[in-house]
Structure formats: C-alpha cells, structure tokens
C-alpha cells in the first residue's frame, strides 16, 4: 500500500478508515496512460484506489514502457516530434520557438522568425543576435 514511516500497516489502514478514507488494492494486469507525446504502458503494475470524500485517486507503481502514439492522420508521436524539429510550423520554425525568441529579445514575431531561420532554428544564437 504505502509506507507509513515505520507505522504498522494495519494501524495505518484503521486510522485512514476512521478519517473516511477507503483504500483498495486493484488486481490490474495492464495500465495505459495516453499523453500527447505517446503512451505509457504499465505491465503488471501495483494499483491502489483511494476514495476520500467522494474523490477517487489512483496510484500506479511500476516501470512503464513508452509506446509511440498513432495520432490524427496516422503519424506517430515520434514522427510528429521529428516534424517539429525540422520545422513543422510555417517558415520551418515552430511557433513556440518564434514566440520565445520574440519575447526574450523584445522584437516582433516576424523579426524573430527571420532571425531563427537565419540561424537554422538555434534559439540561443537568434536571441543573442537580437539582444
């Protein structure tokens, strides 16, 4: 369940029950956490569900395997990341990079984009030039 800093697990469970917290071990074979960057797959994890004041919280313990996620259009997260690195946004530079350079250097985004393109997307070099 969880460590109690040396406290007897039975005593801890009893105290939690008195506070209205119900803890249950789930017999999970597999847990998948889907993220924008890909899926985390836990095989044979230890899963604990805690119910406190009507709010359920799940704790997953185990080592996840990372799996590329097939997103919209069938491209995997790895392929999408490669596209971003190669300039998936307009002008070959990701919009987040342009916004960051513009903010740091205090210049318009059009100037930031041009400078980033001149430096092949190198954020530090673009900011250094504009400052």
C-alpha atoms as a PDB file:
ATOM      1  CA  UNK A   1       0.000   0.000   0.000  1.00  0.00           C
ATOM      2  CA  UNK A   2       2.182   2.924   1.148  1.00  0.00           C
ATOM      3  CA  UNK A   3       4.900   3.455   3.664  1.00  0.00           C
ATOM      4  CA  UNK A   4       3.956   4.922   6.978  1.00  0.00           C
ATOM      5  CA  UNK A   5       7.389   5.834   8.211  1.00  0.00           C
ATOM      6  CA  UNK A   6       7.598   2.702  10.340  1.00  0.00           C
ATOM      7  CA  UNK A   7       3.915   2.674  11.284  1.00  0.00           C
ATOM      8  CA  UNK A   8       2.115  -0.643  11.410  1.00  0.00           C
ATOM      9  CA  UNK A   9       0.220  -1.028   8.078  1.00  0.00           C
ATOM     10  CA  UNK A  10      -2.836  -2.392   9.884  1.00  0.00           C
ATOM     11  CA  UNK A  11      -2.873   0.606  12.243  1.00  0.00           C
ATOM     12  CA  UNK A  12      -2.489   2.995   9.297  1.00  0.00           C
ATOM     13  CA  UNK A  13      -5.391   1.367   7.450  1.00  0.00           C
ATOM     14  CA  UNK A  14      -7.520   1.614  10.599  1.00  0.00           C
ATOM     15  CA  UNK A  15      -6.690   5.316  11.018  1.00  0.00           C
ATOM     16  CA  UNK A  16      -7.488   6.033   7.375  1.00  0.00           C
ATOM     17  CA  UNK A  17     -10.834   4.278   7.721  1.00  0.00           C
ATOM     18  CA  UNK A  18     -11.630   6.461  10.755  1.00  0.00           C
ATOM     19  CA  UNK A  19     -10.901   9.547   8.630  1.00  0.00           C
ATOM     20  CA  UNK A  20     -13.279   8.302   5.927  1.00  0.00           C
ATOM     21  CA  UNK A  21     -10.555   7.216   3.518  1.00  0.00           C
ATOM     22  CA  UNK A  22     -11.129   3.852   1.858  1.00  0.00           C
ATOM     23  CA  UNK A  23      -8.106   2.177   0.247  1.00  0.00           C
ATOM     24  CA  UNK A  24      -8.358  -0.789  -2.094  1.00  0.00           C
ATOM     25  CA  UNK A  25      -5.690  -2.724  -3.997  1.00  0.00           C
ATOM     26  CA  UNK A  26      -6.782  -3.420  -7.582  1.00  0.00           C
ATOM     27  CA  UNK A  27      -5.727  -6.552  -9.451  1.00  0.00           C
ATOM     28  CA  UNK A  28      -4.561  -4.755 -12.600  1.00  0.00           C
ATOM     29  CA  UNK A  29      -2.824  -6.580 -15.416  1.00  0.00           C
ATOM     30  CA  UNK A  30      -2.095  -3.524 -17.549  1.00  0.00           C
ATOM     31  CA  UNK A  31      -2.485   0.255 -17.290  1.00  0.00           C
ATOM     32  CA  UNK A  32      -2.154   2.620 -20.257  1.00  0.00           C
ATOM     33  CA  UNK A  33      -1.677   6.367 -19.764  1.00  0.00           C
ATOM     34  CA  UNK A  34      -2.250   8.259 -23.008  1.00  0.00           C
ATOM     35  CA  UNK A  35      -0.323  11.501 -23.447  1.00  0.00           C
ATOM     36  CA  UNK A  36       0.204  13.876 -26.350  1.00  0.00           C
ATOM     37  CA  UNK A  37       3.780  12.584 -26.709  1.00  0.00           C
ATOM     38  CA  UNK A  38       2.861   8.886 -26.648  1.00  0.00           C
ATOM     39  CA  UNK A  39       1.508   6.227 -24.346  1.00  0.00           C
ATOM     40  CA  UNK A  40       2.959   4.917 -21.106  1.00  0.00           C
ATOM     41  CA  UNK A  41       2.141   1.225 -20.718  1.00  0.00           C
ATOM     42  CA  UNK A  42       2.494  -0.398 -17.297  1.00  0.00           C
ATOM     43  CA  UNK A  43       2.521  -4.212 -17.422  1.00  0.00           C
ATOM     44  CA  UNK A  44       1.531  -5.933 -14.136  1.00  0.00           C
ATOM     45  CA  UNK A  45       1.535  -2.717 -12.072  1.00  0.00           C
ATOM     46  CA  UNK A  46       0.562  -2.345  -8.446  1.00  0.00           C
ATOM     47  CA  UNK A  47      -2.563  -0.168  -8.487  1.00  0.00           C
ATOM     48  CA  UNK A  48      -4.186   1.329  -5.405  1.00  0.00           C
ATOM     49  CA  UNK A  49      -7.510   3.186  -5.393  1.00  0.00           C
ATOM     50  CA  UNK A  50      -8.139   5.631  -2.572  1.00  0.00           C
ATOM     51  CA  UNK A  51     -11.611   7.055  -2.008  1.00  0.00           C
ATOM     52  CA  UNK A  52     -11.686  10.147   0.207  1.00  0.00           C
ATOM     53  CA  UNK A  53     -14.766  12.355   0.478  1.00  0.00           C
ATOM     54  CA  UNK A  54     -16.174  11.019  -2.807  1.00  0.00           C
ATOM     55  CA  UNK A  55     -12.963  11.757  -4.741  1.00  0.00           C
ATOM     56  CA  UNK A  56     -11.177   8.708  -6.161  1.00  0.00           C
ATOM     57  CA  UNK A  57      -7.405   8.762  -6.556  1.00  0.00           C
ATOM     58  CA  UNK A  58      -5.404   6.050  -8.276  1.00  0.00           C
ATOM     59  CA  UNK A  59      -1.756   5.298  -7.570  1.00  0.00           C
ATOM     60  CA  UNK A  60       0.208   3.266 -10.122  1.00  0.00           C
ATOM     61  CA  UNK A  61       3.517   1.687  -9.167  1.00  0.00           C
ATOM     62  CA  UNK A  62       5.646   0.059 -11.855  1.00  0.00           C
ATOM     63  CA  UNK A  63       8.038   0.692 -14.723  1.00  0.00           C
ATOM     64  CA  UNK A  64       6.304   1.987 -17.854  1.00  0.00           C
ATOM     65  CA  UNK A  65       7.219   1.160 -21.429  1.00  0.00           C
ATOM     66  CA  UNK A  66       6.920   4.147 -23.755  1.00  0.00           C
ATOM     67  CA  UNK A  67       4.970   3.454 -26.925  1.00  0.00           C
ATOM     68  CA  UNK A  68       4.654   5.914 -29.807  1.00  0.00           C
ATOM     69  CA  UNK A  69       1.049   7.013 -30.185  1.00  0.00           C
ATOM     70  CA  UNK A  70      -0.684   6.929 -33.560  1.00  0.00           C
ATOM     71  CA  UNK A  71      -2.334  10.341 -33.631  1.00  0.00           C
ATOM     72  CA  UNK A  72      -4.545  12.038 -36.185  1.00  0.00           C
ATOM     73  CA  UNK A  73      -3.515  11.259 -39.723  1.00  0.00           C
ATOM     74  CA  UNK A  74      -1.737   8.103 -38.640  1.00  0.00           C
ATOM     75  CA  UNK A  75       1.559   9.811 -37.740  1.00  0.00           C
ATOM     76  CA  UNK A  76       3.222   8.571 -34.591  1.00  0.00           C
ATOM     77  CA  UNK A  77       4.343  10.903 -31.815  1.00  0.00           C
ATOM     78  CA  UNK A  78       7.945  10.215 -32.781  1.00  0.00           C
ATOM     79  CA  UNK A  79       7.236  11.260 -36.372  1.00  0.00           C
ATOM     80  CA  UNK A  80       5.411  14.376 -35.137  1.00  0.00           C
ATOM     81  CA  UNK A  81       8.370  15.333 -32.940  1.00  0.00           C
ATOM     82  CA  UNK A  82      10.696  14.899 -35.920  1.00  0.00           C
ATOM     83  CA  UNK A  83       8.451  17.158 -37.998  1.00  0.00           C
ATOM     84  CA  UNK A  84       8.575  19.835 -35.281  1.00  0.00           C
ATOM     85  CA  UNK A  85      12.358  19.662 -35.145  1.00  0.00           C
ATOM     86  CA  UNK A  86      12.501  20.021 -38.911  1.00  0.00           C
ATOM     87  CA  UNK A  87      10.088  22.942 -38.759  1.00  0.00           C
ATOM     88  CA  UNK A  88       6.532  21.705 -38.679  1.00  0.00           C
ATOM     89  CA  UNK A  89       5.234  25.278 -38.404  1.00  0.00           C
ATOM     90  CA  UNK A  90       5.102  27.931 -41.112  1.00  0.00           C
ATOM     91  CA  UNK A  91       8.535  29.032 -42.272  1.00  0.00           C
ATOM     92  CA  UNK A  92      10.200  25.875 -40.954  1.00  0.00           C
ATOM     93  CA  UNK A  93      10.336  27.120 -37.336  1.00  0.00           C
ATOM     94  CA  UNK A  94       7.865  26.052 -34.609  1.00  0.00           C
ATOM     95  CA  UNK A  95       5.599  28.890 -33.468  1.00  0.00           C
ATOM     96  CA  UNK A  96       6.570  28.277 -29.815  1.00  0.00           C
ATOM     97  CA  UNK A  97      10.223  28.952 -30.675  1.00  0.00           C
ATOM     98  CA  UNK A  98       9.300  32.148 -32.519  1.00  0.00           C
ATOM     99  CA  UNK A  99       7.210  33.378 -29.578  1.00  0.00           C
ATOM    100  CA  UNK A 100      10.010  32.603 -27.131  1.00  0.00           C
ATOM    101  CA  UNK A 101      12.645  34.499 -29.136  1.00  0.00           C
ATOM    102  CA  UNK A 102      10.281  37.449 -29.712  1.00  0.00           C
ATOM    103  CA  UNK A 103       9.504  37.690 -26.006  1.00  0.00           C
ATOM    104  CA  UNK A 104      13.111  37.321 -24.822  1.00  0.00           C
ATOM    105  CA  UNK A 105      14.531  39.770 -27.353  1.00  0.00           C
ATOM    106  CA  UNK A 106      11.596  42.197 -27.268  1.00  0.00           C
ATOM    107  CA  UNK A 107      11.067  42.134 -31.034  1.00  0.00           C
ATOM    108  CA  UNK A 108       8.075  41.397 -33.296  1.00  0.00           C
ATOM    109  CA  UNK A 109       7.457  37.746 -34.152  1.00  0.00           C
ATOM    110  CA  UNK A 110       8.217  38.388 -37.829  1.00  0.00           C
ATOM    111  CA  UNK A 111      11.721  39.585 -36.904  1.00  0.00           C
ATOM    112  CA  UNK A 112      12.165  36.660 -34.513  1.00  0.00           C
ATOM    113  CA  UNK A 113      11.142  34.174 -37.229  1.00  0.00           C
ATOM    114  CA  UNK A 114      13.562  35.684 -39.784  1.00  0.00           C
ATOM    115  CA  UNK A 115      16.426  35.571 -37.298  1.00  0.00           C
ATOM    116  CA  UNK A 116      15.628  31.977 -36.297  1.00  0.00           C
ATOM    117  CA  UNK A 117      15.571  30.951 -39.954  1.00  0.00           C
ATOM    118  CA  UNK A 118      18.938  32.632 -40.496  1.00  0.00           C
ATOM    119  CA  UNK A 119      20.333  30.619 -37.569  1.00  0.00           C
ATOM    120  CA  UNK A 120      18.684  27.310 -38.601  1.00  0.00           C
ATOM    121  CA  UNK A 121      16.362  27.368 -35.593  1.00  0.00           C
ATOM    122  CA  UNK A 122      19.129  27.925 -32.996  1.00  0.00           C
ATOM    123  CA  UNK A 123      17.272  29.748 -30.201  1.00  0.00           C
ATOM    124  CA  UNK A 124      20.358  30.932 -28.321  1.00  0.00           C
ATOM    125  CA  UNK A 125      22.045  32.340 -31.414  1.00  0.00           C
ATOM    126  CA  UNK A 126      18.873  34.142 -32.526  1.00  0.00           C
ATOM    127  CA  UNK A 127      18.317  35.701 -29.094  1.00  0.00           C
ATOM    128  CA  UNK A 128      21.980  36.706 -28.830  1.00  0.00           C
ATOM    129  CA  UNK A 129      21.832  38.436 -32.223  1.00  0.00           C
ATOM    130  CA  UNK A 130      18.614  40.302 -31.407  1.00  0.00           C
ATOM    131  CA  UNK A 131      19.682  41.473 -27.945  1.00  0.00           C
END
